[in-house]
Amino acid sequence: MSDGKEYLRKMKESIHKYFRVGTVLWMSYPPDRYDYIESLKRVLKDEYFDAIEITRINDDNLRKQAKDLLEQSHITVCYGAQPCLLSTGVNATLKLYHIPVKK
């Protein structure tokens, strides 16, 4: 069994060796309190982040600006559907996995 030195050595390595560190933009910077493009730029400039999760952007001009910035970045972009799904009041989980039972 190890005396713990190997474990301590690994704990000093960068988390980026094991994970893509990311943030959920609309949770980190709620759009009702922060400018969307400025928030996006702030995350994209931060070398700590490897990934970002965004959701639907309704405004065409804002979506184009975001697209241009994301294309130039080093960041993995993920789409978060939660705001779109949860705002409808529909339980998508039940609809996706519901198997009718014959009586």
PDB file of N, CA and C in Angstrom:
ATOM      1  N   MET A   1       0.823  -1.182   0.000  1.00  0.00           N
ATOM      2  CA  MET A   1       0.000   0.000   0.000  1.00  0.00           C
ATOM      3  C   MET A   1       0.874   1.255   0.000  1.00  0.00           C
ATOM      4  N   SER A   2       0.392   2.287  -0.650  1.00  0.00           N
ATOM      5  CA  SER A   2       1.140   3.536  -0.749  1.00  0.00           C
ATOM      6  C   SER A   2       1.150   4.263   0.588  1.00  0.00           C
ATOM      7  N   ASP A   3       2.200   5.026   0.814  1.00  0.00           N
ATOM      8  CA  ASP A   3       2.278   5.810   2.050  1.00  0.00           C
ATOM      9  C   ASP A   3       1.589   7.171   1.898  1.00  0.00           C
ATOM     10  N   GLY A   4       0.939   7.407   0.782  1.00  0.00           N
ATOM     11  CA  GLY A   4       0.208   8.647   0.583  1.00  0.00           C
ATOM     12  C   GLY A   4       0.966   9.688  -0.211  1.00  0.00           C
ATOM     13  N   LYS A   5       2.260   9.504  -0.422  1.00  0.00           N
ATOM     14  CA  LYS A   5       3.045  10.506  -1.148  1.00  0.00           C
ATOM     15  C   LYS A   5       2.593  10.618  -2.605  1.00  0.00           C
ATOM     16  N   GLU A   6       2.276   9.491  -3.241  1.00  0.00           N
ATOM     17  CA  GLU A   6       1.815   9.509  -4.629  1.00  0.00           C
ATOM     18  C   GLU A   6       0.490  10.265  -4.731  1.00  0.00           C
ATOM     19  N   TYR A   7      -0.401  10.026  -3.787  1.00  0.00           N
ATOM     20  CA  TYR A   7      -1.694  10.706  -3.757  1.00  0.00           C
ATOM     21  C   TYR A   7      -1.494  12.213  -3.617  1.00  0.00           C
ATOM     22  N   LEU A   8      -0.615  12.641  -2.742  1.00  0.00           N
ATOM     23  CA  LEU A   8      -0.355  14.062  -2.546  1.00  0.00           C
ATOM     24  C   LEU A   8       0.282  14.694  -3.780  1.00  0.00           C
ATOM     25  N   ARG A   9       1.145  13.948  -4.469  1.00  0.00           N
ATOM     26  CA  ARG A   9       1.770  14.464  -5.679  1.00  0.00           C
ATOM     27  C   ARG A   9       0.703  14.720  -6.735  1.00  0.00           C
ATOM     28  N   LYS A  10      -0.229  13.794  -6.892  1.00  0.00           N
ATOM     29  CA  LYS A  10      -1.279  13.953  -7.891  1.00  0.00           C
ATOM     30  C   LYS A  10      -2.196  15.113  -7.549  1.00  0.00           C
ATOM     31  N   MET A  11      -2.404  15.380  -6.299  1.00  0.00           N
ATOM     32  CA  MET A  11      -3.284  16.468  -5.890  1.00  0.00           C
ATOM     33  C   MET A  11      -2.698  17.827  -6.274  1.00  0.00           C
ATOM     34  N   LYS A  12      -1.416  17.876  -6.539  1.00  0.00           N
ATOM     35  CA  LYS A  12      -0.779  19.137  -6.904  1.00  0.00           C
ATOM     36  C   LYS A  12      -0.833  19.388  -8.409  1.00  0.00           C
ATOM     37  N   GLU A  13      -1.280  18.393  -9.184  1.00  0.00           N
ATOM     38  CA  GLU A  13      -1.393  18.562 -10.630  1.00  0.00           C
ATOM     39  C   GLU A  13      -2.629  19.399 -10.961  1.00  0.00           C
ATOM     40  N   SER A  14      -2.590  19.981 -12.104  1.00  0.00           N
ATOM     41  CA  SER A  14      -3.694  20.832 -12.544  1.00  0.00           C
ATOM     42  C   SER A  14      -4.972  20.025 -12.752  1.00  0.00           C
ATOM     43  N   ILE A  15      -6.080  20.589 -12.359  1.00  0.00           N
ATOM     44  CA  ILE A  15      -7.380  19.948 -12.581  1.00  0.00           C
ATOM     45  C   ILE A  15      -7.645  19.781 -14.077  1.00  0.00           C
ATOM     46  N   HIS A  16      -7.017  20.618 -14.888  1.00  0.00           N
ATOM     47  CA  HIS A  16      -7.200  20.564 -16.335  1.00  0.00           C
ATOM     48  C   HIS A  16      -6.619  19.295 -16.946  1.00  0.00           C
ATOM     49  N   LYS A  17      -5.792  18.613 -16.198  1.00  0.00           N
ATOM     50  CA  LYS A  17      -5.267  17.336 -16.674  1.00  0.00           C
ATOM     51  C   LYS A  17      -6.367  16.274 -16.680  1.00  0.00           C
ATOM     52  N   TYR A  18      -7.377  16.466 -15.852  1.00  0.00           N
ATOM     53  CA  TYR A  18      -8.413  15.462 -15.668  1.00  0.00           C
ATOM     54  C   TYR A  18      -9.797  15.903 -16.150  1.00  0.00           C
ATOM     55  N   PHE A  19     -10.042  17.201 -16.228  1.00  0.00           N
ATOM     56  CA  PHE A  19     -11.371  17.720 -16.547  1.00  0.00           C
ATOM     57  C   PHE A  19     -11.286  18.890 -17.519  1.00  0.00           C
ATOM     58  N   ARG A  20     -12.373  19.103 -18.228  1.00  0.00           N
ATOM     59  CA  ARG A  20     -12.575  20.364 -18.930  1.00  0.00           C
ATOM     60  C   ARG A  20     -13.419  21.216 -17.997  1.00  0.00           C
ATOM     61  N   VAL A  21     -12.820  22.219 -17.468  1.00  0.00           N
ATOM     62  CA  VAL A  21     -13.509  23.071 -16.503  1.00  0.00           C
ATOM     63  C   VAL A  21     -14.368  24.067 -17.280  1.00  0.00           C
ATOM     64  N   GLY A  22     -15.624  24.161 -16.897  1.00  0.00           N
ATOM     65  CA  GLY A  22     -16.523  25.051 -17.604  1.00  0.00           C
ATOM     66  C   GLY A  22     -17.479  25.755 -16.670  1.00  0.00           C
ATOM     67  N   THR A  23     -18.303  26.598 -17.277  1.00  0.00           N
ATOM     68  CA  THR A  23     -19.315  27.315 -16.524  1.00  0.00           C
ATOM     69  C   THR A  23     -20.593  27.379 -17.349  1.00  0.00           C
ATOM     70  N   VAL A  24     -21.688  27.535 -16.649  1.00  0.00           N
ATOM     71  CA  VAL A  24     -22.992  27.730 -17.278  1.00  0.00           C
ATOM     72  C   VAL A  24     -23.211  29.242 -17.301  1.00  0.00           C
ATOM     73  N   LEU A  25     -23.153  29.825 -18.499  1.00  0.00           N
ATOM     74  CA  LEU A  25     -23.140  31.285 -18.612  1.00  0.00           C
ATOM     75  C   LEU A  25     -24.339  31.941 -17.940  1.00  0.00           C
ATOM     76  N   TRP A  26     -25.535  31.421 -18.186  1.00  0.00           N
ATOM     77  CA  TRP A  26     -26.724  32.089 -17.633  1.00  0.00           C
ATOM     78  C   TRP A  26     -26.857  31.909 -16.131  1.00  0.00           C
ATOM     79  N   MET A  27     -26.128  30.968 -15.555  1.00  0.00           N
ATOM     80  CA  MET A  27     -26.115  30.812 -14.099  1.00  0.00           C
ATOM     81  C   MET A  27     -25.031  31.701 -13.482  1.00  0.00           C
ATOM     82  N   SER A  28     -23.875  31.759 -14.131  1.00  0.00           N
ATOM     83  CA  SER A  28     -22.780  32.596 -13.625  1.00  0.00           C
ATOM     84  C   SER A  28     -23.079  34.077 -13.790  1.00  0.00           C
ATOM     85  N   TYR A  29     -23.708  34.419 -14.900  1.00  0.00           N
ATOM     86  CA  TYR A  29     -24.042  35.807 -15.208  1.00  0.00           C
ATOM     87  C   TYR A  29     -25.502  35.879 -15.658  1.00  0.00           C
ATOM     88  N   PRO A  30     -26.433  35.936 -14.721  1.00  0.00           N
ATOM     89  CA  PRO A  30     -27.856  35.997 -15.095  1.00  0.00           C
ATOM     90  C   PRO A  30     -28.105  37.164 -16.057  1.00  0.00           C
ATOM     91  N   PRO A  31     -28.745  36.882 -17.192  1.00  0.00           N
ATOM     92  CA  PRO A  31     -28.909  37.916 -18.212  1.00  0.00           C
ATOM     93  C   PRO A  31     -29.739  39.120 -17.783  1.00  0.00           C
ATOM     94  N   ASP A  32     -30.522  38.978 -16.733  1.00  0.00           N
ATOM     95  CA  ASP A  32     -31.285  40.137 -16.265  1.00  0.00           C
ATOM     96  C   ASP A  32     -30.421  41.088 -15.433  1.00  0.00           C
ATOM     97  N   ARG A  33     -29.204  40.640 -15.075  1.00  0.00           N
ATOM     98  CA  ARG A  33     -28.317  41.475 -14.258  1.00  0.00           C
ATOM     99  C   ARG A  33     -27.009  41.849 -14.950  1.00  0.00           C
ATOM    100  N   TYR A  34     -26.666  41.129 -16.019  1.00  0.00           N
ATOM    101  CA  TYR A  34     -25.383  41.351 -16.697  1.00  0.00           C
ATOM    102  C   TYR A  34     -25.590  41.451 -18.200  1.00  0.00           C
ATOM    103  N   ASP A  35     -24.763  42.247 -18.853  1.00  0.00           N
ATOM    104  CA  ASP A  35     -24.768  42.331 -20.305  1.00  0.00           C
ATOM    105  C   ASP A  35     -24.265  41.009 -20.877  1.00  0.00           C
ATOM    106  N   TYR A  36     -25.001  40.444 -21.819  1.00  0.00           N
ATOM    107  CA  TYR A  36     -24.689  39.107 -22.342  1.00  0.00           C
ATOM    108  C   TYR A  36     -23.317  39.047 -23.000  1.00  0.00           C
ATOM    109  N   ILE A  37     -23.046  39.953 -23.908  1.00  0.00           N
ATOM    110  CA  ILE A  37     -21.776  39.920 -24.641  1.00  0.00           C
ATOM    111  C   ILE A  37     -20.598  40.188 -23.722  1.00  0.00           C
ATOM    112  N   GLU A  38     -20.720  41.125 -22.810  1.00  0.00           N
ATOM    113  CA  GLU A  38     -19.635  41.394 -21.865  1.00  0.00           C
ATOM    114  C   GLU A  38     -19.373  40.181 -20.967  1.00  0.00           C
ATOM    115  N   SER A  39     -20.419  39.513 -20.547  1.00  0.00           N
ATOM    116  CA  SER A  39     -20.275  38.302 -19.723  1.00  0.00           C
ATOM    117  C   SER A  39     -19.596  37.195 -20.515  1.00  0.00           C
ATOM    118  N   LEU A  40     -20.026  37.035 -21.756  1.00  0.00           N
ATOM    119  CA  LEU A  40     -19.430  36.016 -22.618  1.00  0.00           C
ATOM    120  C   LEU A  40     -17.948  36.300 -22.838  1.00  0.00           C
ATOM    121  N   LYS A  41     -17.614  37.537 -23.126  1.00  0.00           N
ATOM    122  CA  LYS A  41     -16.204  37.914 -23.319  1.00  0.00           C
ATOM    123  C   LYS A  41     -15.381  37.622 -22.068  1.00  0.00           C
ATOM    124  N   ARG A  42     -15.938  37.918 -20.926  1.00  0.00           N
ATOM    125  CA  ARG A  42     -15.222  37.702 -19.665  1.00  0.00           C
ATOM    126  C   ARG A  42     -14.851  36.218 -19.498  1.00  0.00           C
ATOM    127  N   VAL A  43     -15.795  35.339 -19.787  1.00  0.00           N
ATOM    128  CA  VAL A  43     -15.525  33.899 -19.669  1.00  0.00           C
ATOM    129  C   VAL A  43     -14.545  33.450 -20.745  1.00  0.00           C
ATOM    130  N   LEU A  44     -14.731  33.914 -21.973  1.00  0.00           N
ATOM    131  CA  LEU A  44     -13.867  33.490 -23.069  1.00  0.00           C
ATOM    132  C   LEU A  44     -12.421  33.940 -22.891  1.00  0.00           C
ATOM    133  N   LYS A  45     -12.212  35.056 -22.226  1.00  0.00           N
ATOM    134  CA  LYS A  45     -10.851  35.559 -21.980  1.00  0.00           C
ATOM    135  C   LYS A  45     -10.175  34.860 -20.805  1.00  0.00           C
ATOM    136  N   ASP A  46     -10.951  34.202 -19.986  1.00  0.00           N
ATOM    137  CA  ASP A  46     -10.423  33.565 -18.776  1.00  0.00           C
ATOM    138  C   ASP A  46      -9.826  32.204 -19.143  1.00  0.00           C
ATOM    139  N   GLU A  47      -8.520  32.093 -19.049  1.00  0.00           N
ATOM    140  CA  GLU A  47      -7.828  30.865 -19.446  1.00  0.00           C
ATOM    141  C   GLU A  47      -8.159  29.672 -18.555  1.00  0.00           C
ATOM    142  N   TYR A  48      -8.783  29.911 -17.420  1.00  0.00           N
ATOM    143  CA  TYR A  48      -9.151  28.813 -16.530  1.00  0.00           C
ATOM    144  C   TYR A  48     -10.236  27.939 -17.151  1.00  0.00           C
ATOM    145  N   PHE A  49     -11.127  28.542 -17.938  1.00  0.00           N
ATOM    146  CA  PHE A  49     -12.258  27.802 -18.489  1.00  0.00           C
ATOM    147  C   PHE A  49     -11.916  27.125 -19.805  1.00  0.00           C
ATOM    148  N   ASP A  50     -12.352  25.865 -19.916  1.00  0.00           N
ATOM    149  CA  ASP A  50     -12.188  25.074 -21.135  1.00  0.00           C
ATOM    150  C   ASP A  50     -13.512  24.875 -21.853  1.00  0.00           C
ATOM    151  N   ALA A  51     -14.616  25.162 -21.170  1.00  0.00           N
ATOM    152  CA  ALA A  51     -15.936  24.909 -21.739  1.00  0.00           C
ATOM    153  C   ALA A  51     -16.923  25.948 -21.226  1.00  0.00           C
ATOM    154  N   ILE A  52     -17.975  26.149 -22.015  1.00  0.00           N
ATOM    155  CA  ILE A  52     -19.043  27.063 -21.624  1.00  0.00           C
ATOM    156  C   ILE A  52     -20.363  26.463 -22.086  1.00  0.00           C
ATOM    157  N   GLU A  53     -21.384  26.610 -21.260  1.00  0.00           N
ATOM    158  CA  GLU A  53     -22.716  26.161 -21.630  1.00  0.00           C
ATOM    159  C   GLU A  53     -23.586  27.394 -21.827  1.00  0.00           C
ATOM    160  N   ILE A  54     -24.160  27.482 -23.017  1.00  0.00           N
ATOM    161  CA  ILE A  54     -25.057  28.593 -23.328  1.00  0.00           C
ATOM    162  C   ILE A  54     -26.422  28.023 -23.679  1.00  0.00           C
ATOM    163  N   THR A  55     -27.407  28.881 -23.768  1.00  0.00           N
ATOM    164  CA  THR A  55     -28.747  28.464 -24.152  1.00  0.00           C
ATOM    165  C   THR A  55     -29.212  29.312 -25.332  1.00  0.00           C
ATOM    166  N   ARG A  56     -30.449  29.161 -25.681  1.00  0.00           N
ATOM    167  CA  ARG A  56     -31.010  29.870 -26.836  1.00  0.00           C
ATOM    168  C   ARG A  56     -30.814  31.385 -26.684  1.00  0.00           C
ATOM    169  N   ILE A  57     -30.454  32.007 -27.805  1.00  0.00           N
ATOM    170  CA  ILE A  57     -30.309  33.463 -27.866  1.00  0.00           C
ATOM    171  C   ILE A  57     -31.364  33.937 -28.867  1.00  0.00           C
ATOM    172  N   ASN A  58     -32.380  34.608 -28.388  1.00  0.00           N
ATOM    173  CA  ASN A  58     -33.503  35.001 -29.240  1.00  0.00           C
ATOM    174  C   ASN A  58     -33.167  36.119 -30.219  1.00  0.00           C
ATOM    175  N   ASP A  59     -32.360  37.067 -29.800  1.00  0.00           N
ATOM    176  CA  ASP A  59     -32.036  38.226 -30.624  1.00  0.00           C
ATOM    177  C   ASP A  59     -31.028  37.841 -31.706  1.00  0.00           C
ATOM    178  N   ASP A  60     -31.380  38.086 -32.981  1.00  0.00           N
ATOM    179  CA  ASP A  60     -30.512  37.708 -34.105  1.00  0.00           C
ATOM    180  C   ASP A  60     -29.140  38.376 -34.050  1.00  0.00           C
ATOM    181  N   ASN A  61     -29.110  39.656 -33.728  1.00  0.00           N
ATOM    182  CA  ASN A  61     -27.847  40.395 -33.673  1.00  0.00           C
ATOM    183  C   ASN A  61     -26.962  39.866 -32.533  1.00  0.00           C
ATOM    184  N   LEU A  62     -27.558  39.652 -31.387  1.00  0.00           N
ATOM    185  CA  LEU A  62     -26.822  39.137 -30.235  1.00  0.00           C
ATOM    186  C   LEU A  62     -26.290  37.726 -30.523  1.00  0.00           C
ATOM    187  N   ARG A  63     -27.115  36.899 -31.169  1.00  0.00           N
ATOM    188  CA  ARG A  63     -26.702  35.530 -31.523  1.00  0.00           C
ATOM    189  C   ARG A  63     -25.515  35.556 -32.481  1.00  0.00           C
ATOM    190  N   LYS A  64     -25.527  36.472 -33.453  1.00  0.00           N
ATOM    191  CA  LYS A  64     -24.418  36.593 -34.408  1.00  0.00           C
ATOM    192  C   LYS A  64     -23.138  37.024 -33.693  1.00  0.00           C
ATOM    193  N   GLN A  65     -23.256  38.001 -32.791  1.00  0.00           N
ATOM    194  CA  GLN A  65     -22.082  38.439 -32.023  1.00  0.00           C
ATOM    195  C   GLN A  65     -21.513  37.287 -31.195  1.00  0.00           C
ATOM    196  N   ALA A  66     -22.392  36.555 -30.535  1.00  0.00           N
ATOM    197  CA  ALA A  66     -21.957  35.427 -29.707  1.00  0.00           C
ATOM    198  C   ALA A  66     -21.294  34.358 -30.569  1.00  0.00           C
ATOM    199  N   LYS A  67     -21.888  34.058 -31.708  1.00  0.00           N
ATOM    200  CA  LYS A  67     -21.327  33.059 -32.625  1.00  0.00           C
ATOM    201  C   LYS A  67     -19.914  33.446 -33.044  1.00  0.00           C
ATOM    202  N   ASP A  68     -19.728  34.704 -33.431  1.00  0.00           N
ATOM    203  CA  ASP A  68     -18.412  35.184 -33.858  1.00  0.00           C
ATOM    204  C   ASP A  68     -17.379  35.051 -32.735  1.00  0.00           C
ATOM    205  N   LEU A  69     -17.756  35.415 -31.536  1.00  0.00           N
ATOM    206  CA  LEU A  69     -16.833  35.303 -30.394  1.00  0.00           C
ATOM    207  C   LEU A  69     -16.502  33.847 -30.086  1.00  0.00           C
ATOM    208  N   LEU A  70     -17.515  32.991 -30.087  1.00  0.00           N
ATOM    209  CA  LEU A  70     -17.305  31.575 -29.762  1.00  0.00           C
ATOM    210  C   LEU A  70     -16.428  30.878 -30.795  1.00  0.00           C
ATOM    211  N   GLU A  71     -16.573  31.249 -32.056  1.00  0.00           N
ATOM    212  CA  GLU A  71     -15.757  30.647 -33.111  1.00  0.00           C
ATOM    213  C   GLU A  71     -14.272  30.984 -32.954  1.00  0.00           C
ATOM    214  N   GLN A  72     -13.974  32.114 -32.358  1.00  0.00           N
ATOM    215  CA  GLN A  72     -12.587  32.545 -32.181  1.00  0.00           C
ATOM    216  C   GLN A  72     -11.962  32.022 -30.890  1.00  0.00           C
ATOM    217  N   SER A  73     -12.756  31.410 -30.045  1.00  0.00           N
ATOM    218  CA  SER A  73     -12.276  31.037 -28.718  1.00  0.00           C
ATOM    219  C   SER A  73     -11.664  29.638 -28.693  1.00  0.00           C
ATOM    220  N   HIS A  74     -11.016  29.340 -27.592  1.00  0.00           N
ATOM    221  CA  HIS A  74     -10.419  28.028 -27.342  1.00  0.00           C
ATOM    222  C   HIS A  74     -11.393  27.106 -26.615  1.00  0.00           C
ATOM    223  N   ILE A  75     -12.601  27.567 -26.407  1.00  0.00           N
ATOM    224  CA  ILE A  75     -13.555  26.933 -25.497  1.00  0.00           C
ATOM    225  C   ILE A  75     -14.477  25.943 -26.203  1.00  0.00           C
ATOM    226  N   THR A  76     -14.756  24.825 -25.535  1.00  0.00           N
ATOM    227  CA  THR A  76     -15.767  23.883 -25.995  1.00  0.00           C
ATOM    228  C   THR A  76     -17.130  24.478 -25.653  1.00  0.00           C
ATOM    229  N   VAL A  77     -18.014  24.523 -26.627  1.00  0.00           N
ATOM    230  CA  VAL A  77     -19.334  25.126 -26.427  1.00  0.00           C
ATOM    231  C   VAL A  77     -20.374  24.018 -26.302  1.00  0.00           C
ATOM    232  N   CYS A  78     -21.179  24.116 -25.262  1.00  0.00           N
ATOM    233  CA  CYS A  78     -22.258  23.163 -25.026  1.00  0.00           C
ATOM    234  C   CYS A  78     -23.586  23.924 -25.025  1.00  0.00           C
ATOM    235  N   TYR A  79     -24.640  23.230 -25.427  1.00  0.00           N
ATOM    236  CA  TYR A  79     -25.955  23.854 -25.439  1.00  0.00           C
ATOM    237  C   TYR A  79     -26.758  23.353 -24.254  1.00  0.00           C
ATOM    238  N   GLY A  80     -27.259  24.282 -23.463  1.00  0.00           N
ATOM    239  CA  GLY A  80     -28.096  23.937 -22.323  1.00  0.00           C
ATOM    240  C   GLY A  80     -29.556  24.133 -22.670  1.00  0.00           C
ATOM    241  N   ALA A  81     -30.293  23.064 -22.742  1.00  0.00           N
ATOM    242  CA  ALA A  81     -31.712  23.132 -23.111  1.00  0.00           C
ATOM    243  C   ALA A  81     -32.620  23.341 -21.902  1.00  0.00           C
ATOM    244  N   GLN A  82     -32.085  23.296 -20.700  1.00  0.00           N
ATOM    245  CA  GLN A  82     -32.910  23.386 -19.500  1.00  0.00           C
ATOM    246  C   GLN A  82     -33.823  24.604 -19.482  1.00  0.00           C
ATOM    247  N   PRO A  83     -33.321  25.821 -19.737  1.00  0.00           N
ATOM    248  CA  PRO A  83     -34.221  26.981 -19.691  1.00  0.00           C
ATOM    249  C   PRO A  83     -35.378  26.867 -20.687  1.00  0.00           C
ATOM    250  N   CYS A  84     -35.101  26.323 -21.867  1.00  0.00           N
ATOM    251  CA  CYS A  84     -36.147  26.175 -22.882  1.00  0.00           C
ATOM    252  C   CYS A  84     -37.171  25.128 -22.457  1.00  0.00           C
ATOM    253  N   LEU A  85     -36.699  24.018 -21.934  1.00  0.00           N
ATOM    254  CA  LEU A  85     -37.602  22.935 -21.538  1.00  0.00           C
ATOM    255  C   LEU A  85     -38.370  23.268 -20.269  1.00  0.00           C
ATOM    256  N   LEU A  86     -37.677  23.767 -19.272  1.00  0.00           N
ATOM    257  CA  LEU A  86     -38.316  23.994 -17.981  1.00  0.00           C
ATOM    258  C   LEU A  86     -39.274  25.176 -17.993  1.00  0.00           C
ATOM    259  N   SER A  87     -39.060  26.134 -18.891  1.00  0.00           N
ATOM    260  CA  SER A  87     -39.947  27.295 -18.939  1.00  0.00           C
ATOM    261  C   SER A  87     -41.319  26.960 -19.518  1.00  0.00           C
ATOM    262  N   THR A  88     -41.449  25.804 -20.157  1.00  0.00           N
ATOM    263  CA  THR A  88     -42.730  25.411 -20.752  1.00  0.00           C
ATOM    264  C   THR A  88     -43.660  24.753 -19.739  1.00  0.00           C
ATOM    265  N   GLY A  89     -43.103  24.307 -18.622  1.00  0.00           N
ATOM    266  CA  GLY A  89     -43.913  23.605 -17.628  1.00  0.00           C
ATOM    267  C   GLY A  89     -44.105  22.139 -17.965  1.00  0.00           C
ATOM    268  N   VAL A  90     -43.515  21.684 -19.058  1.00  0.00           N
ATOM    269  CA  VAL A  90     -43.636  20.289 -19.470  1.00  0.00           C
ATOM    270  C   VAL A  90     -42.534  19.478 -18.814  1.00  0.00           C
ATOM    271  N   ASN A  91     -42.883  18.314 -18.325  1.00  0.00           N
ATOM    272  CA  ASN A  91     -41.887  17.415 -17.766  1.00  0.00           C
ATOM    273  C   ASN A  91     -41.356  16.556 -18.902  1.00  0.00           C
ATOM    274  N   ALA A  92     -40.267  16.981 -19.493  1.00  0.00           N
ATOM    275  CA  ALA A  92     -39.711  16.298 -20.659  1.00  0.00           C
ATOM    276  C   ALA A  92     -39.263  14.889 -20.337  1.00  0.00           C
ATOM    277  N   THR A  93     -38.835  14.644 -19.121  1.00  0.00           N
ATOM    278  CA  THR A  93     -38.384  13.306 -18.744  1.00  0.00           C
ATOM    279  C   THR A  93     -39.518  12.302 -18.891  1.00  0.00           C
ATOM    280  N   LEU A  94     -40.687  12.655 -18.428  1.00  0.00           N
ATOM    281  CA  LEU A  94     -41.819  11.743 -18.540  1.00  0.00           C
ATOM    282  C   LEU A  94     -42.197  11.505 -19.987  1.00  0.00           C
ATOM    283  N   LYS A  95     -42.146  12.522 -20.798  1.00  0.00           N
ATOM    284  CA  LYS A  95     -42.495  12.368 -22.201  1.00  0.00           C
ATOM    285  C   LYS A  95     -41.472  11.512 -22.938  1.00  0.00           C
ATOM    286  N   LEU A  96     -40.206  11.658 -22.612  1.00  0.00           N
ATOM    287  CA  LEU A  96     -39.173  10.902 -23.308  1.00  0.00           C
ATOM    288  C   LEU A  96     -39.156   9.424 -22.922  1.00  0.00           C
ATOM    289  N   TYR A  97     -39.457   9.119 -21.677  1.00  0.00           N
ATOM    290  CA  TYR A  97     -39.288   7.759 -21.201  1.00  0.00           C
ATOM    291  C   TYR A  97     -40.598   7.037 -20.884  1.00  0.00           C
ATOM    292  N   HIS A  98     -41.719   7.664 -21.178  1.00  0.00           N
ATOM    293  CA  HIS A  98     -43.012   7.046 -20.880  1.00  0.00           C
ATOM    294  C   HIS A  98     -43.268   5.880 -21.832  1.00  0.00           C
ATOM    295  N   ILE A  99     -43.511   4.722 -21.261  1.00  0.00           N
ATOM    296  CA  ILE A  99     -43.857   3.543 -22.057  1.00  0.00           C
ATOM    297  C   ILE A  99     -45.294   3.169 -21.676  1.00  0.00           C
ATOM    298  N   PRO A 100     -46.214   3.249 -22.648  1.00  0.00           N
ATOM    299  CA  PRO A 100     -47.607   2.917 -22.335  1.00  0.00           C
ATOM    300  C   PRO A 100     -47.744   1.469 -21.888  1.00  0.00           C
ATOM    301  N   VAL A 101     -48.575   1.255 -20.905  1.00  0.00           N
ATOM    302  CA  VAL A 101     -48.820  -0.089 -20.383  1.00  0.00           C
ATOM    303  C   VAL A 101     -50.193  -0.530 -20.867  1.00  0.00           C
ATOM    304  N   LYS A 102     -50.243  -1.709 -21.503  1.00  0.00           N
ATOM    305  CA  LYS A 102     -51.523  -2.239 -21.961  1.00  0.00           C
ATOM    306  C   LYS A 102     -52.274  -2.805 -20.777  1.00  0.00           C
ATOM    307  N   LYS A 103     -53.561  -2.498 -20.727  1.00  0.00           N
ATOM    308  CA  LYS A 103     -54.377  -3.008 -19.625  1.00  0.00           C
ATOM    309  C   LYS A 103     -55.185  -4.207 -20.072  1.00  0.00           C
TER     310      LYS A 103
END
